[in-house]
Amino acid sequence: MPTTHAAGTFEVKLAPQAVTFEESGLGRLSIDKVFQGDLQATSKGEMLAHRTAVQGSAGYVAMERVDGTLNGRAGTFVLQHSGTMNRGVQQLALTVVPDSATGELEGLSGSMKIIIEGGQHSYEFEYELRAES
């Protein structure tokens, strides 16, 4: 399967949500995104995060359902996020949940990179579309 590259920008809105266990130190946020570029889509998701007492150290996990077109193919898929910041050094993995894609995106796999520069969010998405058997 050949790997395909997609790139563009996105706008994101994070909104704090109620947390069931306040003493846990966890924060819960809703995610709303609008993607432009090779991915023309909207997404909705949920994030669970924790910021430590040490400046620049935190972690988060999230699930995000994307609905739109990827290089002209329509459908949905789910992205799984796992992010850690260790005293300002960021490590982030965004991967397509296996077998989560629908429509013309069925068989989608891949990973996305998020870039934040000057307050602007952009993405680079390396993906493969498995051919139907």
C-alpha atoms as a PDB file:
ATOM      1  CA  MET A   1       0.000   0.000   0.000  1.00  0.00           C
ATOM      2  CA  PRO A   2       1.432   3.382  -0.915  1.00  0.00           C
ATOM      3  CA  THR A   3       1.490   6.067   1.778  1.00  0.00           C
ATOM      4  CA  THR A   4      -0.274   9.316   0.912  1.00  0.00           C
ATOM      5  CA  HIS A   5       0.431  12.721   2.438  1.00  0.00           C
ATOM      6  CA  ALA A   6      -2.249  15.266   3.364  1.00  0.00           C
ATOM      7  CA  ALA A   7      -1.655  18.698   4.879  1.00  0.00           C
ATOM      8  CA  GLY A   8      -3.562  21.808   5.851  1.00  0.00           C
ATOM      9  CA  THR A   9      -4.693  23.945   8.741  1.00  0.00           C
ATOM     10  CA  PHE A  10      -7.351  23.632  11.400  1.00  0.00           C
ATOM     11  CA  GLU A  11      -9.147  25.699  13.994  1.00  0.00           C
ATOM     12  CA  VAL A  12      -9.775  24.156  17.389  1.00  0.00           C
ATOM     13  CA  LYS A  13     -12.103  25.060  20.232  1.00  0.00           C
ATOM     14  CA  LEU A  14     -11.568  23.403  23.622  1.00  0.00           C
ATOM     15  CA  ALA A  15     -14.263  23.749  26.267  1.00  0.00           C
ATOM     16  CA  PRO A  16     -13.893  22.593  29.897  1.00  0.00           C
ATOM     17  CA  GLN A  17     -16.402  19.945  30.995  1.00  0.00           C
ATOM     18  CA  ALA A  18     -17.444  18.707  34.438  1.00  0.00           C
ATOM     19  CA  VAL A  19     -15.151  16.080  35.979  1.00  0.00           C
ATOM     20  CA  THR A  20     -16.701  13.267  38.008  1.00  0.00           C
ATOM     21  CA  PHE A  21     -13.819  12.998  40.493  1.00  0.00           C
ATOM     22  CA  GLU A  22     -12.633  16.553  41.288  1.00  0.00           C
ATOM     23  CA  GLU A  23      -9.938  15.269  43.671  1.00  0.00           C
ATOM     24  CA  SER A  24      -8.302  13.361  40.779  1.00  0.00           C
ATOM     25  CA  GLY A  25      -6.619  16.505  39.442  1.00  0.00           C
ATOM     26  CA  LEU A  26      -7.872  15.602  35.977  1.00  0.00           C
ATOM     27  CA  GLY A  27      -9.376  18.049  33.517  1.00  0.00           C
ATOM     28  CA  ARG A  28     -11.949  17.056  30.892  1.00  0.00           C
ATOM     29  CA  LEU A  29     -12.493  19.088  27.735  1.00  0.00           C
ATOM     30  CA  SER A  30     -14.637  18.830  24.626  1.00  0.00           C
ATOM     31  CA  ILE A  31     -12.879  19.229  21.269  1.00  0.00           C
ATOM     32  CA  ASP A  32     -14.423  20.911  18.209  1.00  0.00           C
ATOM     33  CA  LYS A  33     -12.263  21.290  15.082  1.00  0.00           C
ATOM     34  CA  VAL A  34     -12.652  22.536  11.522  1.00  0.00           C
ATOM     35  CA  PHE A  35     -10.019  21.206   9.085  1.00  0.00           C
ATOM     36  CA  GLN A  36      -9.013  22.883   5.824  1.00  0.00           C
ATOM     37  CA  GLY A  37      -6.636  21.743   3.099  1.00  0.00           C
ATOM     38  CA  ASP A  38      -6.436  18.133   1.909  1.00  0.00           C
ATOM     39  CA  LEU A  39      -8.744  17.197   4.800  1.00  0.00           C
ATOM     40  CA  GLN A  40     -12.009  19.165   4.569  1.00  0.00           C
ATOM     41  CA  ALA A  41     -13.785  18.090   7.736  1.00  0.00           C
ATOM     42  CA  THR A  42     -15.177  18.819  11.155  1.00  0.00           C
ATOM     43  CA  SER A  43     -14.517  16.809  14.274  1.00  0.00           C
ATOM     44  CA  LYS A  44     -15.808  16.361  17.785  1.00  0.00           C
ATOM     45  CA  GLY A  45     -13.975  14.705  20.624  1.00  0.00           C
ATOM     46  CA  GLU A  46     -13.289  14.345  24.322  1.00  0.00           C
ATOM     47  CA  MET A  47      -9.993  14.964  26.112  1.00  0.00           C
ATOM     48  CA  LEU A  48      -8.836  13.935  29.571  1.00  0.00           C
ATOM     49  CA  ALA A  49      -5.746  15.802  30.837  1.00  0.00           C
ATOM     50  CA  HIS A  50      -3.566  16.333  33.883  1.00  0.00           C
ATOM     51  CA  ARG A  51      -1.113  19.187  34.496  1.00  0.00           C
ATOM     52  CA  THR A  52       1.464  18.588  37.222  1.00  0.00           C
ATOM     53  CA  ALA A  53       2.865  21.097  39.718  1.00  0.00           C
ATOM     54  CA  VAL A  54       6.094  21.161  37.658  1.00  0.00           C
ATOM     55  CA  GLN A  55       5.998  23.871  34.980  1.00  0.00           C
ATOM     56  CA  GLY A  56       5.757  22.306  31.494  1.00  0.00           C
ATOM     57  CA  SER A  57       4.850  18.767  32.603  1.00  0.00           C
ATOM     58  CA  ALA A  58       1.451  17.349  31.662  1.00  0.00           C
ATOM     59  CA  GLY A  59      -0.309  14.544  29.845  1.00  0.00           C
ATOM     60  CA  TYR A  60      -3.505  13.969  27.897  1.00  0.00           C
ATOM     61  CA  VAL A  61      -5.486  11.335  26.046  1.00  0.00           C
ATOM     62  CA  ALA A  62      -8.361  11.992  23.648  1.00  0.00           C
ATOM     63  CA  MET A  63     -10.673  10.403  21.107  1.00  0.00           C
ATOM     64  CA  GLU A  64     -11.849  12.495  18.147  1.00  0.00           C
ATOM     65  CA  ARG A  65     -14.386  11.563  15.419  1.00  0.00           C
ATOM     66  CA  VAL A  66     -13.599  13.238  12.076  1.00  0.00           C
ATOM     67  CA  ASP A  67     -16.341  13.667   9.442  1.00  0.00           C
ATOM     68  CA  GLY A  68     -15.637  15.015   5.943  1.00  0.00           C
ATOM     69  CA  THR A  69     -13.474  14.406   2.887  1.00  0.00           C
ATOM     70  CA  LEU A  70      -9.820  13.379   2.672  1.00  0.00           C
ATOM     71  CA  ASN A  71      -8.319  14.161  -0.734  1.00  0.00           C
ATOM     72  CA  GLY A  72     -11.835  13.965  -2.215  1.00  0.00           C
ATOM     73  CA  ARG A  73     -12.971  10.755  -0.467  1.00  0.00           C
ATOM     74  CA  ALA A  74     -15.943  11.146   1.894  1.00  0.00           C
ATOM     75  CA  GLY A  75     -16.395   9.372   5.201  1.00  0.00           C
ATOM     76  CA  THR A  76     -15.587   9.364   8.889  1.00  0.00           C
ATOM     77  CA  PHE A  77     -12.745   8.046  11.044  1.00  0.00           C
ATOM     78  CA  VAL A  78     -11.594   8.241  14.653  1.00  0.00           C
ATOM     79  CA  LEU A  79      -8.260   9.659  15.832  1.00  0.00           C
ATOM     80  CA  GLN A  80      -6.718   8.497  19.114  1.00  0.00           C
ATOM     81  CA  HIS A  81      -4.443  11.028  20.874  1.00  0.00           C
ATOM     82  CA  SER A  82      -1.746  10.342  23.460  1.00  0.00           C
ATOM     83  CA  GLY A  83       0.337  13.334  24.514  1.00  0.00           C
ATOM     84  CA  THR A  84       2.988  13.931  27.144  1.00  0.00           C
ATOM     85  CA  MET A  85       4.934  17.057  28.008  1.00  0.00           C
ATOM     86  CA  ASN A  86       8.072  16.514  30.102  1.00  0.00           C
ATOM     87  CA  ARG A  87       9.302  19.900  31.372  1.00  0.00           C
ATOM     88  CA  GLY A  88       8.416  21.521  28.070  1.00  0.00           C
ATOM     89  CA  VAL A  89       9.481  18.687  25.734  1.00  0.00           C
ATOM     90  CA  GLN A  90       6.380  17.478  23.896  1.00  0.00           C
ATOM     91  CA  GLN A  91       5.679  13.977  22.615  1.00  0.00           C
ATOM     92  CA  LEU A  92       2.405  13.430  20.767  1.00  0.00           C
ATOM     93  CA  ALA A  93       0.967  10.421  18.935  1.00  0.00           C
ATOM     94  CA  LEU A  94      -2.225  10.716  16.864  1.00  0.00           C
ATOM     95  CA  THR A  95      -3.266   7.537  15.105  1.00  0.00           C
ATOM     96  CA  VAL A  96      -6.336   6.375  13.219  1.00  0.00           C
ATOM     97  CA  VAL A  97      -8.226   3.787  15.284  1.00  0.00           C
ATOM     98  CA  PRO A  98      -8.123   0.535  13.262  1.00  0.00           C
ATOM     99  CA  ASP A  99     -11.355  -0.231  11.385  1.00  0.00           C
ATOM    100  CA  SER A 100     -12.979   3.045  12.513  1.00  0.00           C
ATOM    101  CA  ALA A 101     -13.271   4.542   9.018  1.00  0.00           C
ATOM    102  CA  THR A 102     -16.531   4.552   7.051  1.00  0.00           C
ATOM    103  CA  GLY A 103     -17.703   5.358   3.537  1.00  0.00           C
ATOM    104  CA  GLU A 104     -15.028   5.986   0.916  1.00  0.00           C
ATOM    105  CA  LEU A 105     -12.432   6.077   3.726  1.00  0.00           C
ATOM    106  CA  GLU A 106     -13.041   2.477   4.801  1.00  0.00           C
ATOM    107  CA  GLY A 107      -9.686   0.740   5.333  1.00  0.00           C
ATOM    108  CA  LEU A 108      -7.954   3.991   6.377  1.00  0.00           C
ATOM    109  CA  SER A 109      -4.878   3.789   8.599  1.00  0.00           C
ATOM    110  CA  GLY A 110      -2.243   6.356   9.447  1.00  0.00           C
ATOM    111  CA  SER A 111      -0.878   8.961  11.803  1.00  0.00           C
ATOM    112  CA  MET A 112      -1.200  12.724  12.076  1.00  0.00           C
ATOM    113  CA  LYS A 113       1.280  15.333  13.238  1.00  0.00           C
ATOM    114  CA  ILE A 114       0.068  18.638  14.713  1.00  0.00           C
ATOM    115  CA  ILE A 115       2.176  21.771  14.258  1.00  0.00           C
ATOM    116  CA  ILE A 116       1.526  24.967  16.252  1.00  0.00           C
ATOM    117  CA  GLU A 117       3.466  28.026  15.077  1.00  0.00           C
ATOM    118  CA  GLY A 118       2.594  31.635  15.790  1.00  0.00           C
ATOM    119  CA  GLY A 119      -0.797  30.632  17.179  1.00  0.00           C
ATOM    120  CA  GLN A 120      -1.737  28.843  13.900  1.00  0.00           C
ATOM    121  CA  HIS A 121      -2.565  25.112  13.967  1.00  0.00           C
ATOM    122  CA  SER A 122      -1.670  22.910  11.016  1.00  0.00           C
ATOM    123  CA  TYR A 123      -1.493  19.166  10.391  1.00  0.00           C
ATOM    124  CA  GLU A 124       0.478  16.662   8.357  1.00  0.00           C
ATOM    125  CA  PHE A 125      -1.284  13.335   7.849  1.00  0.00           C
ATOM    126  CA  GLU A 126       0.506  10.252   6.519  1.00  0.00           C
ATOM    127  CA  TYR A 127      -2.070   7.606   5.625  1.00  0.00           C
ATOM    128  CA  GLU A 128      -2.865   4.498   3.643  1.00  0.00           C
ATOM    129  CA  LEU A 129      -6.167   3.257   2.227  1.00  0.00           C
ATOM    130  CA  ARG A 130      -6.400  -0.519   2.134  1.00  0.00           C
ATOM    131  CA  ALA A 131      -7.846  -1.748  -1.159  1.00  0.00           C
ATOM    132  CA  GLU A 132     -11.127  -3.644  -0.919  1.00  0.00           C
ATOM    133  CA  SER A 133     -10.714  -7.423  -1.239  1.00  0.00           C
END
